[in-house]
Amino acid sequence: MDESLKNKIQAIVDSHHNVLFMKGTRHFPQCGFSATAVEVLRRCGAEFETFNVLEDMEVRQGIKEFGSWPTIPQLYVGGKLLGGSDILVEMYESGELQPLVAPPS
């Protein structure tokens, strides 16, 4: 991955406490996994930013290498990759996710 793409993705990750790289938008997810991730975050009451990878093919491919995670969606919390929709569902159901995505105090 070239340095400019890495810096671009890092800037997106650093821009908010919770950033979801997804297909589509929070109002119109374009895949079931992205829709699930948005719904889980909504149920947690989380404030989160989204990035539509369908609008930027460079980021769409680069985010997979950036976090060493092969699929989208990807949730970053506090600058760290948390995982995709399956992990978010598991963490939500166990109660682990809610305190992580709460606004920083």
N, C-alpha and C. Protein backbone atom coordinates (compact mmCIF):
# COMPACT_ATOMS: atom_id res chain seq x y z
N MET A 1 0.86 -1.17 0.00
CA MET A 1 0.00 0.00 0.00
C MET A 1 0.90 1.23 0.00
N ASP A 2 0.58 2.17 -0.88
CA ASP A 2 1.43 3.36 -0.91
C ASP A 2 1.13 4.27 0.28
N GLU A 3 2.09 5.09 0.60
CA GLU A 3 2.04 5.94 1.80
C GLU A 3 0.87 6.91 1.78
N SER A 4 0.53 7.46 0.61
CA SER A 4 -0.56 8.43 0.55
C SER A 4 -1.91 7.77 0.87
N LEU A 5 -2.11 6.54 0.40
CA LEU A 5 -3.35 5.83 0.71
C LEU A 5 -3.38 5.46 2.19
N LYS A 6 -2.27 5.00 2.71
CA LYS A 6 -2.19 4.66 4.14
C LYS A 6 -2.53 5.89 4.98
N ASN A 7 -1.97 7.04 4.63
CA ASN A 7 -2.23 8.28 5.36
C ASN A 7 -3.69 8.70 5.25
N LYS A 8 -4.28 8.51 4.07
CA LYS A 8 -5.69 8.85 3.86
C LYS A 8 -6.58 8.00 4.77
N ILE A 9 -6.34 6.70 4.79
CA ILE A 9 -7.14 5.81 5.62
C ILE A 9 -6.92 6.12 7.09
N GLN A 10 -5.66 6.37 7.48
CA GLN A 10 -5.37 6.69 8.87
C GLN A 10 -6.10 7.96 9.29
N ALA A 11 -6.16 8.94 8.41
CA ALA A 11 -6.88 10.18 8.72
C ALA A 11 -8.37 9.93 8.94
N ILE A 12 -8.95 9.05 8.14
CA ILE A 12 -10.37 8.69 8.31
C ILE A 12 -10.57 7.99 9.65
N VAL A 13 -9.70 7.03 9.96
CA VAL A 13 -9.79 6.28 11.21
C VAL A 13 -9.65 7.22 12.41
N ASP A 14 -8.75 8.17 12.31
CA ASP A 14 -8.48 9.10 13.41
C ASP A 14 -9.53 10.20 13.55
N SER A 15 -10.42 10.33 12.55
CA SER A 15 -11.34 11.48 12.52
C SER A 15 -12.47 11.39 13.54
N HIS A 16 -12.81 10.18 14.01
CA HIS A 16 -13.91 10.00 14.96
C HIS A 16 -13.60 8.81 15.86
N HIS A 17 -14.23 8.77 17.02
CA HIS A 17 -14.03 7.64 17.93
C HIS A 17 -14.47 6.33 17.28
N ASN A 18 -15.62 6.34 16.60
CA ASN A 18 -16.15 5.15 15.93
C ASN A 18 -16.29 5.43 14.43
N VAL A 19 -15.62 4.65 13.62
CA VAL A 19 -15.71 4.80 12.16
C VAL A 19 -16.02 3.43 11.55
N LEU A 20 -17.10 3.40 10.78
CA LEU A 20 -17.51 2.16 10.12
C LEU A 20 -17.27 2.29 8.62
N PHE A 21 -16.35 1.48 8.10
CA PHE A 21 -16.14 1.37 6.65
C PHE A 21 -17.17 0.36 6.17
N MET A 22 -18.04 0.79 5.26
CA MET A 22 -19.17 -0.05 4.87
C MET A 22 -19.51 0.13 3.41
N LYS A 23 -20.36 -0.74 2.91
CA LYS A 23 -20.91 -0.61 1.56
C LYS A 23 -22.23 0.14 1.69
N GLY A 24 -22.27 1.34 1.13
CA GLY A 24 -23.45 2.18 1.23
C GLY A 24 -23.32 3.18 2.37
N THR A 25 -24.45 3.69 2.80
CA THR A 25 -24.47 4.69 3.86
C THR A 25 -25.31 4.17 5.03
N ARG A 26 -25.25 4.87 6.14
CA ARG A 26 -26.04 4.45 7.30
C ARG A 26 -27.53 4.46 6.99
N HIS A 27 -27.95 5.35 6.09
CA HIS A 27 -29.36 5.43 5.73
C HIS A 27 -29.74 4.48 4.60
N PHE A 28 -28.74 4.03 3.84
CA PHE A 28 -29.01 3.12 2.73
C PHE A 28 -27.85 2.13 2.58
N PRO A 29 -27.73 1.19 3.53
CA PRO A 29 -26.68 0.17 3.41
C PRO A 29 -26.89 -0.65 2.14
N GLN A 30 -25.79 -1.01 1.50
CA GLN A 30 -25.90 -1.72 0.23
C GLN A 30 -25.49 -3.19 0.33
N CYS A 31 -25.38 -3.69 1.54
CA CYS A 31 -25.22 -5.13 1.73
C CYS A 31 -25.75 -5.47 3.11
N GLY A 32 -26.13 -6.72 3.29
CA GLY A 32 -26.72 -7.14 4.55
C GLY A 32 -25.77 -7.02 5.73
N PHE A 33 -24.49 -7.29 5.51
CA PHE A 33 -23.52 -7.20 6.60
C PHE A 33 -23.36 -5.76 7.07
N SER A 34 -23.33 -4.83 6.11
CA SER A 34 -23.24 -3.41 6.48
C SER A 34 -24.50 -2.97 7.22
N ALA A 35 -25.66 -3.43 6.77
CA ALA A 35 -26.92 -3.10 7.44
C ALA A 35 -26.91 -3.62 8.88
N THR A 36 -26.40 -4.83 9.07
CA THR A 36 -26.33 -5.41 10.41
C THR A 36 -25.41 -4.58 11.30
N ALA A 37 -24.26 -4.18 10.79
CA ALA A 37 -23.31 -3.38 11.58
C ALA A 37 -23.94 -2.05 12.00
N VAL A 38 -24.63 -1.39 11.08
CA VAL A 38 -25.29 -0.12 11.39
C VAL A 38 -26.35 -0.33 12.46
N GLU A 39 -27.14 -1.37 12.33
CA GLU A 39 -28.21 -1.63 13.30
C GLU A 39 -27.64 -1.92 14.69
N VAL A 40 -26.58 -2.68 14.77
CA VAL A 40 -25.95 -2.97 16.06
C VAL A 40 -25.46 -1.67 16.71
N LEU A 41 -24.82 -0.83 15.93
CA LEU A 41 -24.32 0.44 16.49
C LEU A 41 -25.47 1.33 16.93
N ARG A 42 -26.55 1.35 16.17
CA ARG A 42 -27.74 2.12 16.57
C ARG A 42 -28.31 1.61 17.89
N ARG A 43 -28.39 0.30 18.03
CA ARG A 43 -28.92 -0.29 19.26
C ARG A 43 -28.05 0.02 20.46
N CYS A 44 -26.76 0.23 20.22
CA CYS A 44 -25.84 0.61 21.30
C CYS A 44 -25.96 2.09 21.64
N GLY A 45 -26.65 2.85 20.79
CA GLY A 45 -26.72 4.29 20.99
C GLY A 45 -25.42 4.99 20.64
N ALA A 46 -24.60 4.34 19.84
CA ALA A 46 -23.27 4.88 19.50
C ALA A 46 -23.36 6.03 18.50
N GLU A 47 -22.51 7.00 18.70
CA GLU A 47 -22.28 8.01 17.67
C GLU A 47 -21.18 7.44 16.79
N PHE A 48 -21.40 7.45 15.47
CA PHE A 48 -20.40 6.87 14.59
C PHE A 48 -20.42 7.54 13.23
N GLU A 49 -19.26 7.57 12.63
CA GLU A 49 -19.09 8.08 11.28
C GLU A 49 -19.04 6.88 10.35
N THR A 50 -19.51 7.04 9.12
CA THR A 50 -19.41 5.96 8.15
C THR A 50 -18.59 6.43 6.95
N PHE A 51 -17.99 5.48 6.28
CA PHE A 51 -17.28 5.74 5.03
C PHE A 51 -17.77 4.72 4.02
N ASN A 52 -18.35 5.22 2.93
CA ASN A 52 -18.90 4.36 1.89
C ASN A 52 -17.78 3.94 0.94
N VAL A 53 -17.34 2.69 1.07
CA VAL A 53 -16.25 2.21 0.23
C VAL A 53 -16.64 2.06 -1.23
N LEU A 54 -17.94 2.05 -1.52
CA LEU A 54 -18.38 1.95 -2.91
C LEU A 54 -18.09 3.23 -3.69
N GLU A 55 -17.83 4.31 -2.97
CA GLU A 55 -17.53 5.59 -3.62
C GLU A 55 -16.04 5.83 -3.79
N ASP A 56 -15.19 4.93 -3.28
CA ASP A 56 -13.74 5.11 -3.37
C ASP A 56 -13.10 3.73 -3.45
N MET A 57 -12.85 3.28 -4.67
CA MET A 57 -12.31 1.93 -4.88
C MET A 57 -10.91 1.77 -4.29
N GLU A 58 -10.15 2.84 -4.24
CA GLU A 58 -8.81 2.78 -3.66
C GLU A 58 -8.91 2.46 -2.16
N VAL A 59 -9.80 3.14 -1.45
CA VAL A 59 -10.00 2.86 -0.03
C VAL A 59 -10.63 1.49 0.15
N ARG A 60 -11.54 1.12 -0.74
CA ARG A 60 -12.22 -0.18 -0.64
C ARG A 60 -11.21 -1.32 -0.61
N GLN A 61 -10.20 -1.26 -1.46
CA GLN A 61 -9.17 -2.28 -1.47
C GLN A 61 -8.15 -2.06 -0.36
N GLY A 62 -7.78 -0.80 -0.14
CA GLY A 62 -6.74 -0.48 0.82
C GLY A 62 -7.11 -0.79 2.25
N ILE A 63 -8.40 -0.63 2.62
CA ILE A 63 -8.80 -0.86 4.00
C ILE A 63 -8.60 -2.32 4.39
N LYS A 64 -8.70 -3.21 3.43
CA LYS A 64 -8.50 -4.63 3.71
C LYS A 64 -7.05 -4.90 4.12
N GLU A 65 -6.13 -4.24 3.44
CA GLU A 65 -4.71 -4.39 3.77
C GLU A 65 -4.36 -3.60 5.03
N PHE A 66 -4.93 -2.42 5.17
CA PHE A 66 -4.64 -1.53 6.30
C PHE A 66 -4.86 -2.24 7.63
N GLY A 67 -5.98 -2.92 7.77
CA GLY A 67 -6.30 -3.60 9.02
C GLY A 67 -6.08 -5.09 9.00
N SER A 68 -5.52 -5.60 7.90
CA SER A 68 -5.33 -7.05 7.74
C SER A 68 -6.64 -7.80 7.99
N TRP A 69 -7.71 -7.26 7.42
CA TRP A 69 -9.05 -7.85 7.57
C TRP A 69 -9.64 -7.94 6.16
N PRO A 70 -10.02 -9.12 5.69
CA PRO A 70 -10.36 -9.29 4.28
C PRO A 70 -11.75 -8.83 3.84
N THR A 71 -12.62 -8.53 4.80
CA THR A 71 -14.00 -8.22 4.42
C THR A 71 -14.44 -6.85 4.90
N ILE A 72 -15.54 -6.40 4.32
CA ILE A 72 -16.18 -5.14 4.68
C ILE A 72 -17.60 -5.50 5.08
N PRO A 73 -18.13 -4.95 6.15
CA PRO A 73 -17.73 -3.75 6.88
C PRO A 73 -16.60 -4.01 7.89
N GLN A 74 -15.99 -2.89 8.30
CA GLN A 74 -14.97 -2.90 9.33
C GLN A 74 -15.24 -1.73 10.26
N LEU A 75 -15.26 -2.00 11.56
CA LEU A 75 -15.46 -0.95 12.54
C LEU A 75 -14.16 -0.67 13.26
N TYR A 76 -13.78 0.61 13.28
CA TYR A 76 -12.63 1.08 14.03
C TYR A 76 -13.14 1.88 15.22
N VAL A 77 -12.63 1.55 16.40
CA VAL A 77 -13.02 2.22 17.63
C VAL A 77 -11.75 2.73 18.29
N GLY A 78 -11.70 4.04 18.51
CA GLY A 78 -10.51 4.62 19.12
C GLY A 78 -9.25 4.35 18.33
N GLY A 79 -9.39 4.28 17.00
CA GLY A 79 -8.24 4.07 16.13
C GLY A 79 -7.85 2.62 15.92
N LYS A 80 -8.56 1.69 16.54
CA LYS A 80 -8.21 0.28 16.42
C LYS A 80 -9.34 -0.50 15.77
N LEU A 81 -8.95 -1.46 14.93
CA LEU A 81 -9.94 -2.31 14.26
C LEU A 81 -10.59 -3.23 15.28
N LEU A 82 -11.92 -3.17 15.31
CA LEU A 82 -12.68 -4.06 16.20
C LEU A 82 -13.10 -5.32 15.44
N GLY A 83 -13.55 -5.16 14.20
CA GLY A 83 -13.95 -6.31 13.40
C GLY A 83 -15.10 -6.00 12.49
N GLY A 84 -15.69 -7.07 11.95
CA GLY A 84 -16.81 -6.96 11.03
C GLY A 84 -18.13 -7.22 11.72
N SER A 85 -19.17 -7.39 10.94
CA SER A 85 -20.52 -7.46 11.50
C SER A 85 -20.72 -8.67 12.42
N ASP A 86 -20.15 -9.82 12.09
CA ASP A 86 -20.33 -11.00 12.96
C ASP A 86 -19.74 -10.76 14.34
N ILE A 87 -18.56 -10.17 14.37
CA ILE A 87 -17.92 -9.87 15.66
C ILE A 87 -18.73 -8.82 16.42
N LEU A 88 -19.23 -7.82 15.71
CA LEU A 88 -20.04 -6.80 16.37
C LEU A 88 -21.29 -7.41 17.00
N VAL A 89 -21.96 -8.31 16.29
CA VAL A 89 -23.16 -8.97 16.83
C VAL A 89 -22.79 -9.75 18.09
N GLU A 90 -21.72 -10.53 18.02
CA GLU A 90 -21.30 -11.33 19.19
C GLU A 90 -20.98 -10.43 20.38
N MET A 91 -20.25 -9.35 20.13
CA MET A 91 -19.87 -8.44 21.21
C MET A 91 -21.10 -7.71 21.77
N TYR A 92 -22.04 -7.37 20.91
CA TYR A 92 -23.27 -6.72 21.36
C TYR A 92 -24.07 -7.67 22.26
N GLU A 93 -24.22 -8.89 21.81
CA GLU A 93 -25.01 -9.87 22.57
C GLU A 93 -24.39 -10.18 23.92
N SER A 94 -23.07 -10.12 24.01
CA SER A 94 -22.39 -10.41 25.28
C SER A 94 -22.28 -9.17 26.17
N GLY A 95 -22.62 -7.98 25.60
CA GLY A 95 -22.52 -6.73 26.36
C GLY A 95 -21.16 -6.07 26.31
N GLU A 96 -20.22 -6.65 25.55
CA GLU A 96 -18.86 -6.09 25.46
C GLU A 96 -18.79 -4.84 24.59
N LEU A 97 -19.65 -4.75 23.59
CA LEU A 97 -19.56 -3.68 22.60
C LEU A 97 -20.01 -2.33 23.15
N GLN A 98 -21.09 -2.31 23.90
CA GLN A 98 -21.69 -1.06 24.33
C GLN A 98 -20.71 -0.10 25.01
N PRO A 99 -19.92 -0.54 25.99
CA PRO A 99 -18.99 0.43 26.61
C PRO A 99 -17.87 0.87 25.67
N LEU A 100 -17.50 0.05 24.72
CA LEU A 100 -16.42 0.40 23.80
C LEU A 100 -16.83 1.51 22.83
N VAL A 101 -18.09 1.47 22.39
CA VAL A 101 -18.53 2.45 21.38
C VAL A 101 -19.20 3.68 22.01
N ALA A 102 -19.31 3.68 23.33
CA ALA A 102 -19.87 4.86 24.00
C ALA A 102 -18.96 6.05 23.76
N PRO A 103 -19.53 7.24 23.68
CA PRO A 103 -18.68 8.43 23.47
C PRO A 103 -17.61 8.54 24.54
N PRO A 104 -16.38 8.90 24.17
CA PRO A 104 -15.33 9.04 25.17
C PRO A 104 -15.68 10.15 26.16
N SER A 105 -15.34 9.94 27.41
CA SER A 105 -15.68 10.95 28.42
C SER A 105 -14.53 11.89 28.69
